[in-house]
């Protein structure tokens, strides 16, 4: 049983560690939230606070809304943890662990600050809509979900 938990714990811990370290760096470096650093032609670093869920959806301004978002993230993480305990597929374990790690990283922010620290900004506009800033936790969740969907699609094709 210990060996089965090693991989998911390692992935979750790595995602949370990288997420929290990058957020700490951003908070240290960017005392002025309006400051933008252009890194690459399509990559900027800017400090923003997200009170909602992914991409600023479902803003949580009231305490009960913040608690609800924390409970939802924790509940989904628990369900994914059960999925991990029932699968032996290492790819699925890694993807699910990435999602859990990202959820935990953002829950830590909500508990500490009442909002999530976002800082990666890709200045892309689609139909007049600006792509919102995000963070490492958001990236881990998105990549984990996308890889699971691709794997599921490929498995059905066989």
C-alpha atoms as a PDB file:
ATOM      1  CA  UNK A   1       0.000   0.000   0.000  1.00  0.00           C
ATOM      2  CA  UNK A   2       2.838   2.397   0.826  1.00  0.00           C
ATOM      3  CA  UNK A   3       4.363   1.962  -2.632  1.00  0.00           C
ATOM      4  CA  UNK A   4       0.999   2.666  -4.314  1.00  0.00           C
ATOM      5  CA  UNK A   5       0.780   6.008  -2.539  1.00  0.00           C
ATOM      6  CA  UNK A   6       4.316   7.072  -3.360  1.00  0.00           C
ATOM      7  CA  UNK A   7       3.711   8.192  -6.970  1.00  0.00           C
ATOM      8  CA  UNK A   8       0.532  10.213  -6.312  1.00  0.00           C
ATOM      9  CA  UNK A   9       2.022  11.808  -3.196  1.00  0.00           C
ATOM     10  CA  UNK A  10       5.155  12.728  -5.126  1.00  0.00           C
ATOM     11  CA  UNK A  11       3.214  14.292  -8.013  1.00  0.00           C
ATOM     12  CA  UNK A  12       0.769  16.148  -5.732  1.00  0.00           C
ATOM     13  CA  UNK A  13       3.627  17.428  -3.565  1.00  0.00           C
ATOM     14  CA  UNK A  14       5.658  18.534  -6.590  1.00  0.00           C
ATOM     15  CA  UNK A  15       2.731  20.462  -8.100  1.00  0.00           C
ATOM     16  CA  UNK A  16       1.900  22.138  -4.775  1.00  0.00           C
ATOM     17  CA  UNK A  17       5.557  22.986  -4.114  1.00  0.00           C
ATOM     18  CA  UNK A  18       6.179  24.514  -7.556  1.00  0.00           C
ATOM     19  CA  UNK A  19       2.847  26.350  -7.435  1.00  0.00           C
ATOM     20  CA  UNK A  20       3.420  27.836  -3.984  1.00  0.00           C
ATOM     21  CA  UNK A  21       7.060  28.742  -4.670  1.00  0.00           C
ATOM     22  CA  UNK A  22       6.171  30.584  -7.878  1.00  0.00           C
ATOM     23  CA  UNK A  23       3.323  32.413  -6.134  1.00  0.00           C
ATOM     24  CA  UNK A  24       5.624  33.400  -3.257  1.00  0.00           C
ATOM     25  CA  UNK A  25       8.129  34.757  -5.792  1.00  0.00           C
ATOM     26  CA  UNK A  26       5.405  36.742  -7.573  1.00  0.00           C
ATOM     27  CA  UNK A  27       4.124  38.212  -4.315  1.00  0.00           C
ATOM     28  CA  UNK A  28       7.674  39.173  -3.354  1.00  0.00           C
ATOM     29  CA  UNK A  29       8.621  40.651  -6.730  1.00  0.00           C
ATOM     30  CA  UNK A  30       5.356  42.321  -7.647  1.00  0.00           C
ATOM     31  CA  UNK A  31       4.414  44.689  -4.865  1.00  0.00           C
ATOM     32  CA  UNK A  32       2.657  46.781  -7.501  1.00  0.00           C
ATOM     33  CA  UNK A  33      -0.161  44.690  -9.031  1.00  0.00           C
ATOM     34  CA  UNK A  34      -0.195  46.886 -12.133  1.00  0.00           C
ATOM     35  CA  UNK A  35       3.393  46.025 -13.009  1.00  0.00           C
ATOM     36  CA  UNK A  36       3.726  43.856 -16.122  1.00  0.00           C
ATOM     37  CA  UNK A  37       6.900  42.100 -17.163  1.00  0.00           C
ATOM     38  CA  UNK A  38       7.108  41.060 -20.786  1.00  0.00           C
ATOM     39  CA  UNK A  39       8.955  37.741 -20.920  1.00  0.00           C
ATOM     40  CA  UNK A  40       8.278  36.595 -24.486  1.00  0.00           C
ATOM     41  CA  UNK A  41       6.155  38.042 -27.297  1.00  0.00           C
ATOM     42  CA  UNK A  42       3.172  36.017 -26.043  1.00  0.00           C
ATOM     43  CA  UNK A  43       4.008  35.702 -22.344  1.00  0.00           C
ATOM     44  CA  UNK A  44       3.737  38.326 -19.623  1.00  0.00           C
ATOM     45  CA  UNK A  45       4.035  38.093 -15.852  1.00  0.00           C
ATOM     46  CA  UNK A  46       1.526  40.171 -13.886  1.00  0.00           C
ATOM     47  CA  UNK A  47       0.046  39.848 -10.396  1.00  0.00           C
ATOM     48  CA  UNK A  48      -3.730  39.396 -10.323  1.00  0.00           C
ATOM     49  CA  UNK A  49      -6.121  38.088  -7.685  1.00  0.00           C
ATOM     50  CA  UNK A  50      -8.792  35.609  -8.756  1.00  0.00           C
ATOM     51  CA  UNK A  51     -11.783  35.399  -6.424  1.00  0.00           C
ATOM     52  CA  UNK A  52     -13.564  32.896  -8.652  1.00  0.00           C
ATOM     53  CA  UNK A  53     -12.711  29.509 -10.058  1.00  0.00           C
ATOM     54  CA  UNK A  54     -10.824  28.843 -13.285  1.00  0.00           C
ATOM     55  CA  UNK A  55     -10.556  31.888 -15.511  1.00  0.00           C
ATOM     56  CA  UNK A  56     -12.382  34.109 -13.015  1.00  0.00           C
ATOM     57  CA  UNK A  57     -15.659  32.214 -13.430  1.00  0.00           C
ATOM     58  CA  UNK A  58     -18.054  32.197 -10.434  1.00  0.00           C
ATOM     59  CA  UNK A  59     -16.676  35.118  -8.439  1.00  0.00           C
ATOM     60  CA  UNK A  60     -16.707  34.439  -4.688  1.00  0.00           C
ATOM     61  CA  UNK A  61     -16.917  37.720  -2.817  1.00  0.00           C
ATOM     62  CA  UNK A  62     -18.821  36.540   0.249  1.00  0.00           C
ATOM     63  CA  UNK A  63     -17.332  34.280   2.927  1.00  0.00           C
ATOM     64  CA  UNK A  64     -19.872  31.516   2.303  1.00  0.00           C
ATOM     65  CA  UNK A  65     -18.961  31.538  -1.413  1.00  0.00           C
ATOM     66  CA  UNK A  66     -15.245  31.213  -0.592  1.00  0.00           C
ATOM     67  CA  UNK A  67     -16.004  28.348   1.806  1.00  0.00           C
ATOM     68  CA  UNK A  68     -18.163  26.696  -0.870  1.00  0.00           C
ATOM     69  CA  UNK A  69     -15.339  26.877  -3.452  1.00  0.00           C
ATOM     70  CA  UNK A  70     -12.898  25.378  -0.925  1.00  0.00           C
ATOM     71  CA  UNK A  71     -15.368  22.574  -0.125  1.00  0.00           C
ATOM     72  CA  UNK A  72     -16.007  21.839  -3.809  1.00  0.00           C
ATOM     73  CA  UNK A  73     -12.271  21.653  -4.573  1.00  0.00           C
ATOM     74  CA  UNK A  74     -11.690  19.455  -1.531  1.00  0.00           C
ATOM     75  CA  UNK A  75     -14.610  17.193  -2.428  1.00  0.00           C
ATOM     76  CA  UNK A  76     -13.474  16.768  -6.027  1.00  0.00           C
ATOM     77  CA  UNK A  77      -9.943  16.043  -4.797  1.00  0.00           C
ATOM     78  CA  UNK A  78     -11.304  13.355  -2.464  1.00  0.00           C
ATOM     79  CA  UNK A  79     -13.251  11.750  -5.314  1.00  0.00           C
ATOM     80  CA  UNK A  80     -10.141  11.792  -7.510  1.00  0.00           C
ATOM     81  CA  UNK A  81      -8.183  10.279  -4.603  1.00  0.00           C
ATOM     82  CA  UNK A  82     -10.657   7.385  -4.515  1.00  0.00           C
ATOM     83  CA  UNK A  83     -10.204   6.987  -8.286  1.00  0.00           C
ATOM     84  CA  UNK A  84      -6.431   6.856  -7.754  1.00  0.00           C
ATOM     85  CA  UNK A  85      -6.857   4.162  -5.097  1.00  0.00           C
ATOM     86  CA  UNK A  86      -8.843   2.009  -7.524  1.00  0.00           C
ATOM     87  CA  UNK A  87      -6.631   2.281 -10.609  1.00  0.00           C
ATOM     88  CA  UNK A  88      -3.273   0.743 -11.404  1.00  0.00           C
ATOM     89  CA  UNK A  89      -2.807   2.833 -14.563  1.00  0.00           C
ATOM     90  CA  UNK A  90       0.246   5.010 -13.862  1.00  0.00           C
ATOM     91  CA  UNK A  91      -0.726   7.550 -16.524  1.00  0.00           C
ATOM     92  CA  UNK A  92      -4.132   8.055 -14.916  1.00  0.00           C
ATOM     93  CA  UNK A  93      -2.523   8.272 -11.479  1.00  0.00           C
ATOM     94  CA  UNK A  94      -0.173  11.025 -12.676  1.00  0.00           C
ATOM     95  CA  UNK A  95      -2.977  12.986 -14.380  1.00  0.00           C
ATOM     96  CA  UNK A  96      -5.313  12.704 -11.388  1.00  0.00           C
ATOM     97  CA  UNK A  97      -2.486  13.663  -9.031  1.00  0.00           C
ATOM     98  CA  UNK A  98      -1.750  16.756 -11.131  1.00  0.00           C
ATOM     99  CA  UNK A  99      -5.396  17.799 -10.798  1.00  0.00           C
ATOM    100  CA  UNK A 100      -5.389  17.206  -7.042  1.00  0.00           C
ATOM    101  CA  UNK A 101      -2.087  19.087  -6.637  1.00  0.00           C
ATOM    102  CA  UNK A 102      -3.468  22.049  -8.568  1.00  0.00           C
ATOM    103  CA  UNK A 103      -6.667  22.062  -6.520  1.00  0.00           C
ATOM    104  CA  UNK A 104      -4.677  21.965  -3.273  1.00  0.00           C
ATOM    105  CA  UNK A 105      -2.411  24.800  -4.452  1.00  0.00           C
ATOM    106  CA  UNK A 106      -5.406  27.026  -5.134  1.00  0.00           C
ATOM    107  CA  UNK A 107      -7.159  26.005  -1.895  1.00  0.00           C
ATOM    108  CA  UNK A 108      -4.036  27.063   0.024  1.00  0.00           C
ATOM    109  CA  UNK A 109      -4.322  30.517  -1.598  1.00  0.00           C
ATOM    110  CA  UNK A 110      -8.020  30.795  -0.742  1.00  0.00           C
ATOM    111  CA  UNK A 111      -7.288  29.902   2.876  1.00  0.00           C
ATOM    112  CA  UNK A 112      -4.340  32.331   3.112  1.00  0.00           C
ATOM    113  CA  UNK A 113      -5.571  35.258   1.040  1.00  0.00           C
ATOM    114  CA  UNK A 114      -9.255  34.744   0.270  1.00  0.00           C
ATOM    115  CA  UNK A 115      -8.366  34.661  -3.438  1.00  0.00           C
ATOM    116  CA  UNK A 116      -6.022  32.818  -5.786  1.00  0.00           C
ATOM    117  CA  UNK A 117      -2.745  34.369  -6.962  1.00  0.00           C
ATOM    118  CA  UNK A 118      -2.605  34.374 -10.764  1.00  0.00           C
ATOM    119  CA  UNK A 119       0.399  35.672 -12.658  1.00  0.00           C
ATOM    120  CA  UNK A 120       0.919  34.019 -16.052  1.00  0.00           C
ATOM    121  CA  UNK A 121      -0.661  36.132 -18.764  1.00  0.00           C
ATOM    122  CA  UNK A 122      -0.794  35.270 -22.444  1.00  0.00           C
ATOM    123  CA  UNK A 123      -1.945  38.432 -24.262  1.00  0.00           C
ATOM    124  CA  UNK A 124      -4.271  36.678 -26.671  1.00  0.00           C
ATOM    125  CA  UNK A 125      -7.640  38.058 -27.643  1.00  0.00           C
ATOM    126  CA  UNK A 126     -10.273  35.821 -29.200  1.00  0.00           C
ATOM    127  CA  UNK A 127     -13.420  37.513 -30.494  1.00  0.00           C
ATOM    128  CA  UNK A 128     -12.629  40.501 -28.303  1.00  0.00           C
ATOM    129  CA  UNK A 129     -12.248  38.344 -25.177  1.00  0.00           C
ATOM    130  CA  UNK A 130      -8.942  38.511 -23.340  1.00  0.00           C
ATOM    131  CA  UNK A 131      -7.554  35.200 -22.085  1.00  0.00           C
ATOM    132  CA  UNK A 132      -7.292  35.572 -18.274  1.00  0.00           C
ATOM    133  CA  UNK A 133      -4.149  35.232 -16.172  1.00  0.00           C
ATOM    134  CA  UNK A 134      -3.523  31.850 -14.567  1.00  0.00           C
ATOM    135  CA  UNK A 135      -0.960  30.047 -12.402  1.00  0.00           C
ATOM    136  CA  UNK A 136       0.918  26.754 -12.101  1.00  0.00           C
ATOM    137  CA  UNK A 137      -1.968  25.102 -10.213  1.00  0.00           C
ATOM    138  CA  UNK A 138      -4.405  26.052 -12.990  1.00  0.00           C
ATOM    139  CA  UNK A 139      -1.955  24.694 -15.548  1.00  0.00           C
ATOM    140  CA  UNK A 140      -1.604  21.377 -13.696  1.00  0.00           C
ATOM    141  CA  UNK A 141      -5.391  21.004 -13.501  1.00  0.00           C
ATOM    142  CA  UNK A 142      -5.854  21.853 -17.186  1.00  0.00           C
ATOM    143  CA  UNK A 143      -3.044  19.588 -18.400  1.00  0.00           C
ATOM    144  CA  UNK A 144      -4.222  16.740 -16.152  1.00  0.00           C
ATOM    145  CA  UNK A 145      -7.809  16.982 -17.418  1.00  0.00           C
ATOM    146  CA  UNK A 146      -6.759  17.323 -21.075  1.00  0.00           C
ATOM    147  CA  UNK A 147      -4.435  14.319 -20.869  1.00  0.00           C
ATOM    148  CA  UNK A 148      -7.192  12.233 -19.260  1.00  0.00           C
ATOM    149  CA  UNK A 149      -9.609  13.216 -22.031  1.00  0.00           C
ATOM    150  CA  UNK A 150      -7.061  12.411 -24.748  1.00  0.00           C
ATOM    151  CA  UNK A 151      -6.248   9.083 -23.117  1.00  0.00           C
ATOM    152  CA  UNK A 152      -9.955   8.243 -22.836  1.00  0.00           C
ATOM    153  CA  UNK A 153     -10.503   9.119 -26.501  1.00  0.00           C
ATOM    154  CA  UNK A 154      -7.481   7.055 -27.597  1.00  0.00           C
ATOM    155  CA  UNK A 155      -8.624   4.084 -25.507  1.00  0.00           C
ATOM    156  CA  UNK A 156     -12.057   4.149 -27.171  1.00  0.00           C
ATOM    157  CA  UNK A 157     -10.408   4.241 -30.610  1.00  0.00           C
ATOM    158  CA  UNK A 158      -8.655   0.906 -29.977  1.00  0.00           C
END
